[in-house]
Amino acid sequence: MSEPLFLLVRLRVPDVTALTAEETIRKRVGGGERLSGLDRLDLWEFRHREGAAFRERLESLVRDSNLFVNPNKHAYRITGDYRRGWKKGGYLVLVRGREDLEGKVAEETLARRYAIEGLEAVRYGVLWRMTLAGAAGEEGRALAESLAVTRSPEGGLLANPHIQTCEVEPALESEEGAA
């Protein structure tokens, strides 16, 4: 059976794209005044059937190549569950293209150039972590979704539902591997 393994990649320096999106949501999106923080990461999902051997090979590949991470500008974390391990809670907004071209290219590259065994699929997405003031539980999840998904000129900024999918889940706090 196929198992997921996730690679989270973020910039080491302030992310001007995330800062611009945060400011725009606060000023122009309904409910945006309740947004207290916004972070952006690349999320790579690898489906594999090799267990620990696959993880070791992926860790080596990420460490020794520039395929997914440039060590001069990125920090990364490999995990079995991207929803866990956040210093601050909040909500995770995963935005993926309906046609995942980045994932397909990465999958083909790993299979042809690196001959990684056990790889079944690669998917790519942008993961936004939102912290909200005065909203928790289902109300917070609904607010995060309304700030993320563009459904009107005054609503949402991070996902276009015509060409992208969007999933909103709580970010689970823990100190272990915190991002």
C-alpha atoms as a PDB file:
ATOM      1  CA  MET A   1       0.000   0.000   0.000  1.00  0.00           C
ATOM      2  CA  SER A   2       1.184   3.500  -0.875  1.00  0.00           C
ATOM      3  CA  GLU A   3       2.326   5.808   1.941  1.00  0.00           C
ATOM      4  CA  PRO A   4       2.602   9.612   1.798  1.00  0.00           C
ATOM      5  CA  LEU A   5       5.745  11.501   2.697  1.00  0.00           C
ATOM      6  CA  PHE A   6       5.740  15.312   2.637  1.00  0.00           C
ATOM      7  CA  LEU A   7       8.532  17.797   1.977  1.00  0.00           C
ATOM      8  CA  LEU A   8       7.801  21.305   3.296  1.00  0.00           C
ATOM      9  CA  VAL A   9      10.030  24.065   1.877  1.00  0.00           C
ATOM     10  CA  ARG A  10      10.088  27.681   3.009  1.00  0.00           C
ATOM     11  CA  LEU A  11      12.278  30.699   2.384  1.00  0.00           C
ATOM     12  CA  ARG A  12      14.868  31.579   5.042  1.00  0.00           C
ATOM     13  CA  VAL A  13      14.342  35.303   4.383  1.00  0.00           C
ATOM     14  CA  PRO A  14      11.067  37.234   4.630  1.00  0.00           C
ATOM     15  CA  ASP A  15       8.689  36.052   1.909  1.00  0.00           C
ATOM     16  CA  VAL A  16       7.548  39.154   0.018  1.00  0.00           C
ATOM     17  CA  THR A  17       4.807  37.171  -1.758  1.00  0.00           C
ATOM     18  CA  ALA A  18       3.298  36.118   1.582  1.00  0.00           C
ATOM     19  CA  LEU A  19       3.704  39.627   3.030  1.00  0.00           C
ATOM     20  CA  THR A  20       1.953  41.168   0.012  1.00  0.00           C
ATOM     21  CA  ALA A  21      -0.864  38.598   0.154  1.00  0.00           C
ATOM     22  CA  GLU A  22      -1.296  39.226   3.897  1.00  0.00           C
ATOM     23  CA  GLU A  23      -1.535  42.985   3.426  1.00  0.00           C
ATOM     24  CA  THR A  24      -3.935  42.620   0.489  1.00  0.00           C
ATOM     25  CA  ILE A  25      -6.236  40.265   2.404  1.00  0.00           C
ATOM     26  CA  ARG A  26      -6.304  42.622   5.405  1.00  0.00           C
ATOM     27  CA  LYS A  27      -7.140  45.673   3.278  1.00  0.00           C
ATOM     28  CA  ARG A  28      -9.358  44.270   0.511  1.00  0.00           C
ATOM     29  CA  VAL A  29     -10.993  40.979   1.515  1.00  0.00           C
ATOM     30  CA  GLY A  30     -14.094  40.817   3.697  1.00  0.00           C
ATOM     31  CA  GLY A  31     -13.077  39.621   7.181  1.00  0.00           C
ATOM     32  CA  GLY A  32      -9.404  40.253   6.406  1.00  0.00           C
ATOM     33  CA  GLU A  33      -8.952  42.434   9.481  1.00  0.00           C
ATOM     34  CA  ARG A  34      -9.030  39.190  11.524  1.00  0.00           C
ATOM     35  CA  LEU A  35      -5.958  37.795   9.753  1.00  0.00           C
ATOM     36  CA  SER A  36      -3.018  38.060  12.157  1.00  0.00           C
ATOM     37  CA  GLY A  37      -0.378  36.156  10.154  1.00  0.00           C
ATOM     38  CA  LEU A  38       0.212  34.437   6.823  1.00  0.00           C
ATOM     39  CA  ASP A  39       3.111  32.148   5.843  1.00  0.00           C
ATOM     40  CA  ARG A  40       3.756  30.380   2.531  1.00  0.00           C
ATOM     41  CA  LEU A  41       5.518  27.083   1.898  1.00  0.00           C
ATOM     42  CA  ASP A  42       5.942  24.694  -1.004  1.00  0.00           C
ATOM     43  CA  LEU A  43       4.481  21.274  -0.227  1.00  0.00           C
ATOM     44  CA  TRP A  44       5.690  18.216  -2.117  1.00  0.00           C
ATOM     45  CA  GLU A  45       3.806  14.976  -1.542  1.00  0.00           C
ATOM     46  CA  PHE A  46       5.530  11.726  -2.445  1.00  0.00           C
ATOM     47  CA  ARG A  47       3.516   8.512  -2.616  1.00  0.00           C
ATOM     48  CA  HIS A  48       5.758   5.489  -2.233  1.00  0.00           C
ATOM     49  CA  ARG A  49       5.818   1.858  -1.197  1.00  0.00           C
ATOM     50  CA  GLU A  50       9.348   1.480   0.151  1.00  0.00           C
ATOM     51  CA  GLY A  51       8.937   2.699   3.781  1.00  0.00           C
ATOM     52  CA  ALA A  52      12.119   3.812   5.591  1.00  0.00           C
ATOM     53  CA  ALA A  53      14.351   3.068   2.592  1.00  0.00           C
ATOM     54  CA  PHE A  54      12.422   5.571   0.468  1.00  0.00           C
ATOM     55  CA  ARG A  55      12.612   8.224   3.196  1.00  0.00           C
ATOM     56  CA  GLU A  56      16.392   7.808   3.472  1.00  0.00           C
ATOM     57  CA  ARG A  57      16.783   8.088  -0.295  1.00  0.00           C
ATOM     58  CA  LEU A  58      14.566  11.195  -0.416  1.00  0.00           C
ATOM     59  CA  GLU A  59      16.437  12.849   2.477  1.00  0.00           C
ATOM     60  CA  SER A  60      19.737  12.179   0.707  1.00  0.00           C
ATOM     61  CA  LEU A  61      18.402  13.560  -2.578  1.00  0.00           C
ATOM     62  CA  VAL A  62      17.043  16.731  -0.942  1.00  0.00           C
ATOM     63  CA  ARG A  63      20.271  17.282   0.997  1.00  0.00           C
ATOM     64  CA  ASP A  64      22.657  16.585  -1.900  1.00  0.00           C
ATOM     65  CA  SER A  65      20.860  18.191  -4.855  1.00  0.00           C
ATOM     66  CA  ASN A  66      19.106  21.450  -5.699  1.00  0.00           C
ATOM     67  CA  LEU A  67      16.091  19.672  -7.149  1.00  0.00           C
ATOM     68  CA  PHE A  68      13.622  20.771  -4.425  1.00  0.00           C
ATOM     69  CA  VAL A  69      15.697  22.876  -2.023  1.00  0.00           C
ATOM     70  CA  ASN A  70      18.402  25.485  -2.486  1.00  0.00           C
ATOM     71  CA  PRO A  71      20.258  25.348   0.860  1.00  0.00           C
ATOM     72  CA  ASN A  72      21.346  28.980   0.469  1.00  0.00           C
ATOM     73  CA  LYS A  73      17.774  30.277   0.531  1.00  0.00           C
ATOM     74  CA  HIS A  74      15.463  27.507   1.805  1.00  0.00           C
ATOM     75  CA  ALA A  75      14.771  25.613   4.993  1.00  0.00           C
ATOM     76  CA  TYR A  76      12.905  22.312   4.821  1.00  0.00           C
ATOM     77  CA  ARG A  77      11.284  19.551   6.816  1.00  0.00           C
ATOM     78  CA  ILE A  78      10.352  16.013   5.765  1.00  0.00           C
ATOM     79  CA  THR A  79       7.378  14.520   7.593  1.00  0.00           C
ATOM     80  CA  GLY A  80       4.683  11.886   7.346  1.00  0.00           C
ATOM     81  CA  ASP A  81       1.952  14.428   8.287  1.00  0.00           C
ATOM     82  CA  TYR A  82       2.303  18.066   7.247  1.00  0.00           C
ATOM     83  CA  ARG A  83      -0.544  19.111   9.575  1.00  0.00           C
ATOM     84  CA  ARG A  84       1.558  18.376  12.682  1.00  0.00           C
ATOM     85  CA  GLY A  85       4.621  20.127  14.046  1.00  0.00           C
ATOM     86  CA  TRP A  86       3.699  23.818  13.957  1.00  0.00           C
ATOM     87  CA  LYS A  87       4.942  26.208  16.683  1.00  0.00           C
ATOM     88  CA  LYS A  88       1.769  28.230  16.377  1.00  0.00           C
ATOM     89  CA  GLY A  89      -1.574  26.728  15.444  1.00  0.00           C
ATOM     90  CA  GLY A  90      -3.834  28.365  12.929  1.00  0.00           C
ATOM     91  CA  TYR A  91      -5.180  26.953   9.693  1.00  0.00           C
ATOM     92  CA  LEU A  92      -3.438  25.315   6.774  1.00  0.00           C
ATOM     93  CA  VAL A  93      -4.705  26.178   3.317  1.00  0.00           C
ATOM     94  CA  LEU A  94      -3.393  23.751   0.689  1.00  0.00           C
ATOM     95  CA  VAL A  95      -3.769  25.063  -2.867  1.00  0.00           C
ATOM     96  CA  ARG A  96      -3.074  22.711  -5.772  1.00  0.00           C
ATOM     97  CA  GLY A  97      -3.487  23.122  -9.505  1.00  0.00           C
ATOM     98  CA  ARG A  98      -6.128  20.883 -11.040  1.00  0.00           C
ATOM     99  CA  GLU A  99      -3.456  19.934 -13.586  1.00  0.00           C
ATOM    100  CA  ASP A 100      -0.408  19.322 -11.407  1.00  0.00           C
ATOM    101  CA  LEU A 101       2.334  20.022 -13.938  1.00  0.00           C
ATOM    102  CA  GLU A 102       5.019  20.605 -11.272  1.00  0.00           C
ATOM    103  CA  GLY A 103       4.249  17.240  -9.683  1.00  0.00           C
ATOM    104  CA  LYS A 104       4.328  15.436 -13.032  1.00  0.00           C
ATOM    105  CA  VAL A 105       7.685  16.971 -13.989  1.00  0.00           C
ATOM    106  CA  ALA A 106       9.177  16.123 -10.573  1.00  0.00           C
ATOM    107  CA  GLU A 107       7.875  12.550 -10.769  1.00  0.00           C
ATOM    108  CA  GLU A 108       9.344  12.081 -14.240  1.00  0.00           C
ATOM    109  CA  THR A 109      12.679  13.605 -13.181  1.00  0.00           C
ATOM    110  CA  LEU A 110      12.940  11.382 -10.106  1.00  0.00           C
ATOM    111  CA  ALA A 111      12.117   8.279 -12.135  1.00  0.00           C
ATOM    112  CA  ARG A 112      14.396   8.990 -15.114  1.00  0.00           C
ATOM    113  CA  ARG A 113      17.349  10.948 -13.780  1.00  0.00           C
ATOM    114  CA  TYR A 114      17.557   9.583 -10.225  1.00  0.00           C
ATOM    115  CA  ALA A 115      15.988   6.118 -10.703  1.00  0.00           C
ATOM    116  CA  ILE A 116      14.242   6.251  -7.329  1.00  0.00           C
ATOM    117  CA  GLU A 117      12.544   2.938  -6.666  1.00  0.00           C
ATOM    118  CA  GLY A 118       9.200   2.645  -4.912  1.00  0.00           C
ATOM    119  CA  LEU A 119       7.952   6.055  -6.061  1.00  0.00           C
ATOM    120  CA  GLU A 120       4.331   5.944  -7.187  1.00  0.00           C
ATOM    121  CA  ALA A 121       3.374   9.625  -7.498  1.00  0.00           C
ATOM    122  CA  VAL A 122       4.500  13.191  -6.760  1.00  0.00           C
ATOM    123  CA  ARG A 123       2.096  16.051  -6.114  1.00  0.00           C
ATOM    124  CA  TYR A 124       2.878  19.725  -5.604  1.00  0.00           C
ATOM    125  CA  GLY A 125       0.963  22.439  -3.808  1.00  0.00           C
ATOM    126  CA  VAL A 126       1.351  25.762  -2.072  1.00  0.00           C
ATOM    127  CA  LEU A 127       0.664  25.571   1.644  1.00  0.00           C
ATOM    128  CA  TRP A 128      -0.457  28.754   3.370  1.00  0.00           C
ATOM    129  CA  ARG A 129      -0.582  28.892   7.180  1.00  0.00           C
ATOM    130  CA  MET A 130      -3.026  31.467   8.516  1.00  0.00           C
ATOM    131  CA  THR A 131      -3.331  32.672  12.068  1.00  0.00           C
ATOM    132  CA  LEU A 132      -6.603  34.378  12.874  1.00  0.00           C
ATOM    133  CA  ALA A 133      -7.630  36.704  15.691  1.00  0.00           C
ATOM    134  CA  GLY A 134     -10.805  35.810  17.548  1.00  0.00           C
ATOM    135  CA  ALA A 135     -11.718  32.759  15.478  1.00  0.00           C
ATOM    136  CA  ALA A 136     -11.336  29.096  16.357  1.00  0.00           C
ATOM    137  CA  GLY A 137     -12.821  25.725  15.512  1.00  0.00           C
ATOM    138  CA  GLU A 138     -15.322  25.548  12.663  1.00  0.00           C
ATOM    139  CA  GLU A 139     -15.754  29.348  12.620  1.00  0.00           C
ATOM    140  CA  GLY A 140     -11.991  29.754  12.103  1.00  0.00           C
ATOM    141  CA  ARG A 141     -11.903  27.116   9.377  1.00  0.00           C
ATOM    142  CA  ALA A 142     -14.781  28.829   7.547  1.00  0.00           C
ATOM    143  CA  LEU A 143     -13.091  32.236   7.871  1.00  0.00           C
ATOM    144  CA  ALA A 144      -9.777  30.824   6.578  1.00  0.00           C
ATOM    145  CA  GLU A 145     -11.587  29.343   3.583  1.00  0.00           C
ATOM    146  CA  SER A 146     -13.404  32.619   2.835  1.00  0.00           C
ATOM    147  CA  LEU A 147     -10.108  34.549   2.981  1.00  0.00           C
ATOM    148  CA  ALA A 148      -8.406  32.006   0.714  1.00  0.00           C
ATOM    149  CA  VAL A 149     -10.882  31.047  -2.028  1.00  0.00           C
ATOM    150  CA  THR A 150     -11.811  33.706  -4.598  1.00  0.00           C
ATOM    151  CA  ARG A 151     -15.584  33.625  -5.017  1.00  0.00           C
ATOM    152  CA  SER A 152     -16.253  37.313  -5.580  1.00  0.00           C
ATOM    153  CA  PRO A 153     -14.289  40.525  -6.207  1.00  0.00           C
ATOM    154  CA  GLU A 154     -14.265  41.215  -2.450  1.00  0.00           C
ATOM    155  CA  GLY A 155     -13.652  37.648  -1.254  1.00  0.00           C
ATOM    156  CA  GLY A 156     -10.641  35.364  -1.174  1.00  0.00           C
ATOM    157  CA  LEU A 157      -7.197  35.760  -2.661  1.00  0.00           C
ATOM    158  CA  LEU A 158      -5.121  32.578  -2.542  1.00  0.00           C
ATOM    159  CA  ALA A 159      -7.055  30.054  -4.660  1.00  0.00           C
ATOM    160  CA  ASN A 160      -8.993  30.286  -7.908  1.00  0.00           C
ATOM    161  CA  PRO A 161     -11.617  27.496  -7.725  1.00  0.00           C
ATOM    162  CA  HIS A 162     -11.848  27.295 -11.520  1.00  0.00           C
ATOM    163  CA  ILE A 163      -8.284  26.022 -11.931  1.00  0.00           C
ATOM    164  CA  GLN A 164      -7.215  25.059  -8.402  1.00  0.00           C
ATOM    165  CA  THR A 165      -8.349  22.920  -5.499  1.00  0.00           C
ATOM    166  CA  CYS A 166      -8.236  24.169  -1.938  1.00  0.00           C
ATOM    167  CA  GLU A 167      -8.282  22.247   1.350  1.00  0.00           C
ATOM    168  CA  VAL A 168      -8.451  23.956   4.752  1.00  0.00           C
ATOM    169  CA  GLU A 169      -7.418  22.106   7.913  1.00  0.00           C
ATOM    170  CA  PRO A 170      -6.221  23.085  11.381  1.00  0.00           C
ATOM    171  CA  ALA A 171      -2.460  23.311  11.948  1.00  0.00           C
ATOM    172  CA  LEU A 172      -1.626  21.057  14.886  1.00  0.00           C
ATOM    173  CA  GLU A 173       0.874  22.469  17.357  1.00  0.00           C
ATOM    174  CA  SER A 174       3.886  20.632  18.723  1.00  0.00           C
ATOM    175  CA  GLU A 175       7.498  21.488  19.438  1.00  0.00           C
ATOM    176  CA  GLU A 176       8.844  18.431  17.637  1.00  0.00           C
ATOM    177  CA  GLY A 177       9.960  19.447  14.155  1.00  0.00           C
ATOM    178  CA  ALA A 178       8.168  22.789  14.534  1.00  0.00           C
ATOM    179  CA  ALA A 179       8.094  25.010  11.475  1.00  0.00           C
END
